[in-house]
């Protein structure tokens, strides 16, 4: 097992990464406050791992709420199901909520934890590659709105993140590839050594070499933890973690949540950002092609499969948390390992990229 610590002062917490962690009760119970535990999962994950987690909590009063599976259910109405379960079971403010599932479950459970009785204990047990390397770490919680993705939420840190990579054994290939998009993101954002490793080992990663998965998850979490520790509330550097996401969120919003998995939309969004960077002359077209090649080797989409109107797409892009004073700010690759947030791009280049992909 590898252990990372996300350093946020009194809000610091450990990230445990390894195999067979869902058999080690102490990893979970040392961070479980009170005697009441609500496990939040979904219809896909609960049949696989709910009983295993409940077995670790023998001395607690354990209830569960099982949500529908899918990005399209990441809404305030679904979060209200969690509140209803908590209130029906008369859970008090000393309780602990455990998110057992992927990024959708984690985001909604975190938001419910931040809101219920103005804040209760919260633990992440991510079961998808995307949630293990990205969404479970850093305390960003929330839900989607028909007009914008993740526009309603809160920063709320868990007490620990328990990453058992054995849960990936039951993850289908499409979901696994979607998680690889966020892994690739860390390499493109500045970890040149990690990017080189990914380019050299992508075949073994896609074949699910377990030792390599642990190493990759650990490095991804370390990179994210380092950025979050410097900028917990995303007032500056943390926004870099949204590389490709302005395009991706517009894809998800305009096509409908769930048509593309989040990681699939991020893959297309990163390629759009890379090709815009090449048009701006920040990187070479050869470097942009290398991004495309790596995404393809990770079995990720590099095109938008359905027709979207230009006006609808750009309107969705403008509803973005990085937008300011009416301007769309993008994270572009200035050179290998350098991806600052910028509004200094030529508008006609952005229009060309959007029209090319649409």
Protein backbone atom coordinates (compact mmCIF):
# COMPACT_ATOMS: atom_id res chain seq x y z
CA UNK A 1 0.00 0.00 0.00
CA UNK A 2 1.10 3.55 -0.80
CA UNK A 3 -0.06 6.47 1.32
CA UNK A 4 -0.16 10.13 0.30
CA UNK A 5 -1.09 13.06 2.50
CA UNK A 6 -2.98 16.01 1.09
CA UNK A 7 -1.63 18.89 3.16
CA UNK A 8 -4.41 21.35 3.96
CA UNK A 9 -3.61 22.20 7.57
CA UNK A 10 -6.38 21.05 9.88
CA UNK A 11 -8.24 19.70 6.84
CA UNK A 12 -5.35 17.43 5.78
CA UNK A 13 -6.16 13.80 5.05
CA UNK A 14 -4.55 10.58 3.82
CA UNK A 15 -5.03 8.90 0.44
CA UNK A 16 -4.52 5.14 0.66
CA UNK A 17 -3.69 3.33 -2.60
CA UNK A 18 -3.23 -0.40 -3.02
CA UNK A 19 -4.80 -3.85 -3.35
CA UNK A 20 -7.12 -5.65 -0.91
CA UNK A 21 -7.80 -2.44 1.00
CA UNK A 22 -11.50 -3.28 1.33
CA UNK A 23 -10.50 -6.10 3.66
CA UNK A 24 -8.70 -3.79 6.12
CA UNK A 25 -11.27 -2.39 8.53
CA UNK A 26 -8.89 -0.11 10.42
CA UNK A 27 -8.16 1.98 7.31
CA UNK A 28 -11.83 2.92 7.24
CA UNK A 29 -12.89 2.95 10.87
CA UNK A 30 -10.09 5.24 12.11
CA UNK A 31 -11.68 7.98 9.99
CA UNK A 32 -15.31 7.10 10.75
CA UNK A 33 -16.84 9.59 13.17
CA UNK A 34 -19.85 8.78 15.34
CA UNK A 35 -21.82 5.55 15.23
CA UNK A 36 -24.14 6.24 12.31
CA UNK A 37 -22.85 5.51 8.81
CA UNK A 38 -24.70 6.14 5.56
CA UNK A 39 -23.15 4.42 2.53
CA UNK A 40 -24.12 6.10 -0.74
CA UNK A 41 -23.68 3.97 -3.85
CA UNK A 42 -25.45 3.25 -7.13
CA UNK A 43 -27.23 0.36 -8.81
CA UNK A 44 -24.05 -0.78 -10.58
CA UNK A 45 -21.52 -0.64 -7.75
CA UNK A 46 -23.67 -1.63 -4.76
CA UNK A 47 -24.18 -5.27 -5.83
CA UNK A 48 -20.41 -5.62 -6.20
CA UNK A 49 -18.96 -3.91 -3.12
CA UNK A 50 -21.66 -2.75 -0.68
CA UNK A 51 -21.59 -5.91 1.45
CA UNK A 52 -17.80 -5.83 1.53
CA UNK A 53 -17.77 -2.29 2.92
CA UNK A 54 -20.58 -3.01 5.38
CA UNK A 55 -18.56 -5.97 6.71
CA UNK A 56 -15.83 -3.51 7.75
CA UNK A 57 -18.33 -1.54 9.86
CA UNK A 58 -19.61 -4.20 12.24
CA UNK A 59 -19.84 -1.93 15.28
CA UNK A 60 -21.71 0.88 13.52
CA UNK A 61 -25.33 1.53 12.66
CA UNK A 62 -25.12 1.27 8.87
CA UNK A 63 -27.73 2.38 6.36
CA UNK A 64 -27.44 2.75 2.64
CA UNK A 65 -29.00 4.75 -0.18
CA UNK A 66 -28.68 3.32 -3.68
CA UNK A 67 -28.92 5.86 -6.50
CA UNK A 68 -29.49 5.41 -10.23
CA UNK A 69 -26.28 5.15 -12.20
CA UNK A 70 -25.30 7.82 -14.71
CA UNK A 71 -24.20 11.42 -15.20
CA UNK A 72 -27.78 12.35 -16.13
CA UNK A 73 -28.77 11.69 -12.50
CA UNK A 74 -26.19 14.08 -11.04
CA UNK A 75 -28.85 16.56 -9.98
CA UNK A 76 -30.27 18.31 -6.94
CA UNK A 77 -33.26 15.93 -7.06
CA UNK A 78 -30.92 12.96 -6.62
CA UNK A 79 -29.02 14.65 -3.78
CA UNK A 80 -32.39 15.15 -2.12
CA UNK A 81 -32.72 11.35 -2.05
CA UNK A 82 -29.62 11.26 0.16
CA UNK A 83 -31.09 13.92 2.48
CA UNK A 84 -34.36 11.97 2.69
CA UNK A 85 -32.50 8.78 3.63
CA UNK A 86 -30.52 10.61 6.33
CA UNK A 87 -33.59 12.30 7.81
CA UNK A 88 -35.72 9.16 7.64
CA UNK A 89 -33.07 7.23 9.60
CA UNK A 90 -32.68 10.18 12.02
CA UNK A 91 -28.97 10.63 11.39
CA UNK A 92 -27.41 13.34 13.54
CA UNK A 93 -24.48 15.67 12.86
CA UNK A 94 -21.94 13.17 14.23
CA UNK A 95 -22.67 10.75 11.37
CA UNK A 96 -20.35 9.73 8.53
CA UNK A 97 -21.26 9.46 4.86
CA UNK A 98 -19.27 7.07 2.68
CA UNK A 99 -19.23 7.54 -1.09
CA UNK A 100 -18.89 4.13 -2.73
CA UNK A 101 -18.73 4.49 -6.50
CA UNK A 102 -17.40 6.69 -9.27
CA UNK A 103 -17.19 10.42 -9.69
CA UNK A 104 -20.94 11.04 -9.85
CA UNK A 105 -21.54 9.25 -6.55
CA UNK A 106 -18.53 10.95 -4.97
CA UNK A 107 -19.51 14.45 -6.07
CA UNK A 108 -23.10 14.10 -4.88
CA UNK A 109 -22.19 12.44 -1.57
CA UNK A 110 -19.63 15.15 -0.90
CA UNK A 111 -22.17 17.88 -1.62
CA UNK A 112 -24.74 16.19 0.61
CA UNK A 113 -22.10 15.91 3.36
CA UNK A 114 -21.24 19.60 3.06
CA UNK A 115 -24.91 20.55 3.33
CA UNK A 116 -26.50 18.09 5.77
CA UNK A 117 -26.80 19.84 9.14
CA UNK A 118 -24.21 22.28 7.72
CA UNK A 119 -21.48 19.69 7.41
CA UNK A 120 -20.88 16.08 8.45
CA UNK A 121 -18.03 13.58 8.17
CA UNK A 122 -17.29 12.24 4.68
CA UNK A 123 -15.14 9.41 3.26
CA UNK A 124 -14.40 8.59 -0.38
CA UNK A 125 -14.10 5.01 -1.67
CA UNK A 126 -13.74 5.53 -5.44
CA UNK A 127 -14.32 2.49 -7.65
CA UNK A 128 -13.58 3.83 -11.16
CA UNK A 129 -10.23 4.86 -12.58
CA UNK A 130 -11.44 8.40 -13.22
CA UNK A 131 -12.62 8.87 -9.65
CA UNK A 132 -9.46 7.27 -8.24
CA UNK A 133 -7.07 9.56 -10.11
CA UNK A 134 -9.13 12.74 -10.06
CA UNK A 135 -12.58 13.41 -8.66
CA UNK A 136 -12.19 11.73 -5.25
CA UNK A 137 -9.17 13.90 -4.39
CA UNK A 138 -9.39 17.59 -3.62
CA UNK A 139 -12.85 18.18 -2.18
CA UNK A 140 -14.71 19.50 -5.24
CA UNK A 141 -18.33 18.41 -4.85
CA UNK A 142 -21.53 19.31 -6.63
CA UNK A 143 -24.19 18.62 -9.22
CA UNK A 144 -25.06 19.55 -12.77
CA UNK A 145 -27.73 21.97 -13.95
CA UNK A 146 -29.37 21.84 -17.40
CA UNK A 147 -27.58 25.12 -18.19
CA UNK A 148 -24.13 24.14 -16.94
CA UNK A 149 -22.03 21.29 -15.57
CA UNK A 150 -20.92 21.36 -11.92
CA UNK A 151 -22.22 24.90 -11.47
CA UNK A 152 -23.82 24.07 -8.11
CA UNK A 153 -21.52 22.74 -5.39
CA UNK A 154 -19.06 23.31 -2.60
CA UNK A 155 -15.45 22.71 -1.68
CA UNK A 156 -15.65 20.08 1.05
CA UNK A 157 -12.77 17.76 1.92
CA UNK A 158 -13.18 14.10 2.89
CA UNK A 159 -11.53 12.61 5.97
CA UNK A 160 -9.73 10.04 3.82
CA UNK A 161 -9.71 8.54 0.35
CA UNK A 162 -9.51 4.75 0.21
CA UNK A 163 -8.42 3.58 -3.26
CA UNK A 164 -8.55 -0.19 -3.70
CA UNK A 165 -7.40 -0.74 -7.28
CA UNK A 166 -8.92 -4.24 -7.20
CA UNK A 167 -12.29 -2.54 -7.78
CA UNK A 168 -11.07 -1.82 -11.31
CA UNK A 169 -11.33 -5.55 -12.03
CA UNK A 170 -15.08 -5.09 -12.48
CA UNK A 171 -14.80 -1.84 -14.48
CA UNK A 172 -15.70 -2.14 -18.15
CA UNK A 173 -13.24 -1.11 -20.85
CA UNK A 174 -15.08 2.06 -21.81
CA UNK A 175 -15.08 3.39 -18.24
CA UNK A 176 -11.44 2.39 -17.80
CA UNK A 177 -10.45 4.34 -20.93
CA UNK A 178 -12.45 7.33 -19.70
CA UNK A 179 -10.31 7.38 -16.57
CA UNK A 180 -7.14 7.35 -18.66
CA UNK A 181 -8.09 10.79 -20.03
CA UNK A 182 -7.56 12.35 -16.61
CA UNK A 183 -4.31 10.41 -16.19
CA UNK A 184 -3.01 11.78 -19.49
CA UNK A 185 -4.04 15.26 -18.37
CA UNK A 186 -1.48 15.25 -15.54
CA UNK A 187 1.32 14.47 -17.99
CA UNK A 188 0.25 17.23 -20.35
CA UNK A 189 0.00 19.76 -17.53
CA UNK A 190 3.68 19.60 -16.70
CA UNK A 191 4.92 16.25 -15.44
CA UNK A 192 7.18 15.51 -18.39
CA UNK A 193 8.64 12.34 -16.85
CA UNK A 194 5.14 11.01 -16.21
CA UNK A 195 4.06 11.87 -19.76
CA UNK A 196 7.06 10.00 -21.16
CA UNK A 197 6.23 6.98 -18.98
CA UNK A 198 2.64 7.03 -20.24
CA UNK A 199 3.75 7.15 -23.87
CA UNK A 200 6.09 4.21 -23.28
CA UNK A 201 3.74 2.11 -21.13
CA UNK A 202 0.29 2.88 -22.50
CA UNK A 203 -0.16 -0.63 -23.93
CA UNK A 204 0.60 -2.28 -20.57
CA UNK A 205 -1.69 0.18 -18.81
CA UNK A 206 -4.52 -0.61 -21.19
CA UNK A 207 -3.87 -4.31 -20.52
CA UNK A 208 -4.37 -3.46 -16.83
CA UNK A 209 -0.96 -4.35 -15.43
CA UNK A 210 -1.83 -4.02 -11.72
CA UNK A 211 1.58 -2.84 -10.49
CA UNK A 212 1.63 -0.20 -13.21
CA UNK A 213 -1.92 0.88 -12.32
CA UNK A 214 -0.91 1.43 -8.68
CA UNK A 215 2.10 3.47 -9.77
CA UNK A 216 -0.02 5.51 -12.19
CA UNK A 217 -2.82 6.17 -9.69
CA UNK A 218 -0.26 7.16 -7.05
CA UNK A 219 1.49 9.62 -9.39
CA UNK A 220 -1.79 11.12 -10.58
CA UNK A 221 -3.00 11.63 -7.01
CA UNK A 222 0.38 13.08 -6.01
CA UNK A 223 0.24 15.61 -8.85
CA UNK A 224 -3.29 16.62 -7.98
CA UNK A 225 -2.61 16.77 -4.23
CA UNK A 226 0.36 19.05 -4.85
CA UNK A 227 -1.78 21.52 -6.81
CA UNK A 228 -4.74 21.38 -4.42
CA UNK A 229 -2.46 22.00 -1.43
CA UNK A 230 -1.36 25.24 -3.07
CA UNK A 231 -4.84 26.38 -4.11
CA UNK A 232 -7.68 24.54 -2.40
CA UNK A 233 -10.46 26.90 -3.52
CA UNK A 234 -9.37 27.20 -7.17
CA UNK A 235 -8.54 30.88 -7.09
CA UNK A 236 -5.49 30.39 -9.29
CA UNK A 237 -3.28 27.40 -10.03
CA UNK A 238 -5.90 24.72 -9.34
CA UNK A 239 -7.87 25.87 -12.38
CA UNK A 240 -5.14 24.22 -14.47
CA UNK A 241 -6.68 20.87 -13.55
CA UNK A 242 -9.56 21.84 -15.84
CA UNK A 243 -7.35 21.52 -18.94
CA UNK A 244 -9.67 20.61 -21.82
CA UNK A 245 -12.71 20.83 -19.56
CA UNK A 246 -14.22 24.04 -20.97
CA UNK A 247 -14.63 22.25 -24.29
CA UNK A 248 -15.56 18.98 -22.55
CA UNK A 249 -18.32 20.48 -20.42
CA UNK A 250 -19.80 22.11 -23.53
CA UNK A 251 -19.78 18.71 -25.26
CA UNK A 252 -21.54 17.06 -22.31
CA UNK A 253 -24.06 19.87 -21.91
CA UNK A 254 -25.01 20.16 -25.58
CA UNK A 255 -25.15 16.43 -26.36
CA UNK A 256 -26.88 15.63 -23.08
CA UNK A 257 -25.23 14.35 -19.91
CA UNK A 258 -24.24 10.71 -20.27
CA UNK A 259 -23.96 10.55 -24.08
CA UNK A 260 -20.21 10.92 -23.68
CA UNK A 261 -18.66 9.76 -20.42
CA UNK A 262 -16.92 12.65 -18.67
CA UNK A 263 -13.47 11.29 -19.48
CA UNK A 264 -14.41 10.80 -23.11
CA UNK A 265 -15.49 14.44 -23.37
CA UNK A 266 -12.28 15.50 -21.61
CA UNK A 267 -10.23 13.58 -24.18
CA UNK A 268 -11.86 15.47 -27.06
CA UNK A 269 -11.57 18.71 -25.10
CA UNK A 270 -7.85 18.24 -24.49
CA UNK A 271 -7.27 17.57 -28.16
CA UNK A 272 -9.21 20.72 -29.06
CA UNK A 273 -7.04 22.68 -26.62
CA UNK A 274 -3.86 21.11 -28.03
CA UNK A 275 -4.81 21.90 -31.61
CA UNK A 276 -5.73 25.46 -30.66
CA UNK A 277 -2.34 25.74 -28.96
CA UNK A 278 -0.71 24.61 -32.22
CA UNK A 279 -2.68 27.16 -34.25
CA UNK A 280 -1.51 29.86 -31.84
CA UNK A 281 2.08 28.72 -32.41
CA UNK A 282 2.61 27.76 -28.76
CA UNK A 283 3.41 24.14 -29.59
CA UNK A 284 4.16 22.40 -32.87
CA UNK A 285 1.58 20.52 -34.89
CA UNK A 286 3.77 17.45 -34.29
CA UNK A 287 3.30 17.85 -30.53
CA UNK A 288 -0.46 18.24 -31.00
CA UNK A 289 -0.43 15.05 -33.08
CA UNK A 290 1.40 13.26 -30.24
CA UNK A 291 -1.48 14.18 -27.92
CA UNK A 292 -3.92 12.73 -30.44
CA UNK A 293 -1.87 9.53 -30.80
CA UNK A 294 -1.74 8.98 -27.03
CA UNK A 295 -5.50 9.48 -26.66
CA UNK A 296 -6.14 7.00 -29.46
CA UNK A 297 -3.84 4.43 -27.86
CA UNK A 298 -5.88 4.85 -24.68
CA UNK A 299 -8.96 3.97 -26.80
CA UNK A 300 -10.49 7.40 -26.27
CA UNK A 301 -12.63 9.34 -28.77
CA UNK A 302 -10.99 12.21 -30.65
CA UNK A 303 -14.08 13.53 -32.44
CA UNK A 304 -17.59 14.69 -31.57
CA UNK A 305 -19.94 11.99 -32.77
CA UNK A 306 -23.11 14.01 -33.17
CA UNK A 307 -23.89 17.32 -34.85
CA UNK A 308 -24.06 20.38 -32.57
CA UNK A 309 -24.78 23.93 -33.69
CA UNK A 310 -21.91 26.39 -33.34
CA UNK A 311 -24.13 28.85 -31.47
CA UNK A 312 -25.31 26.24 -28.98
CA UNK A 313 -21.77 25.02 -28.35
CA UNK A 314 -20.24 28.47 -27.78
CA UNK A 315 -23.16 29.42 -25.55
CA UNK A 316 -22.42 26.36 -23.40
CA UNK A 317 -18.72 27.29 -23.30
CA UNK A 318 -19.56 30.72 -21.90
CA UNK A 319 -21.22 29.09 -18.88
CA UNK A 320 -17.90 28.03 -17.40
CA UNK A 321 -16.41 28.60 -13.97
CA UNK A 322 -13.21 29.99 -15.52
CA UNK A 323 -15.13 32.56 -17.58
CA UNK A 324 -14.71 36.12 -16.37
CA UNK A 325 -16.04 39.48 -17.46
CA UNK A 326 -17.69 37.98 -20.51
CA UNK A 327 -14.49 36.32 -21.74
CA UNK A 328 -13.82 32.62 -22.21
CA UNK A 329 -10.52 31.76 -20.54
CA UNK A 330 -8.81 28.60 -21.71
CA UNK A 331 -5.93 26.46 -20.54
CA UNK A 332 -3.54 26.13 -23.47
CA UNK A 333 -0.27 24.29 -23.92
CA UNK A 334 2.36 27.03 -24.25
CA UNK A 335 5.12 24.44 -24.51
CA UNK A 336 5.69 20.90 -23.32
CA UNK A 337 5.01 20.97 -19.60
CA UNK A 338 3.57 24.48 -19.46
CA UNK A 339 -0.21 25.04 -19.55
CA UNK A 340 -1.29 28.43 -18.17
CA UNK A 341 -4.82 29.84 -18.12
CA UNK A 342 -5.14 32.39 -20.86
CA UNK A 343 -7.53 34.76 -22.58
CA UNK A 344 -4.74 35.80 -24.96
CA UNK A 345 -5.65 33.76 -27.99
CA UNK A 346 -6.95 34.82 -31.38
CA UNK A 347 -10.71 34.54 -31.54
CA UNK A 348 -10.71 33.33 -35.15
CA UNK A 349 -8.44 30.43 -34.17
CA UNK A 350 -10.90 29.37 -31.46
CA UNK A 351 -13.75 29.64 -33.95
CA UNK A 352 -11.82 27.52 -36.44
CA UNK A 353 -11.14 24.75 -33.90
CA UNK A 354 -14.77 24.64 -32.76
CA UNK A 355 -16.07 24.51 -36.33
CA UNK A 356 -13.53 21.84 -37.28
CA UNK A 357 -14.65 19.58 -34.45
CA UNK A 358 -18.35 20.30 -34.86
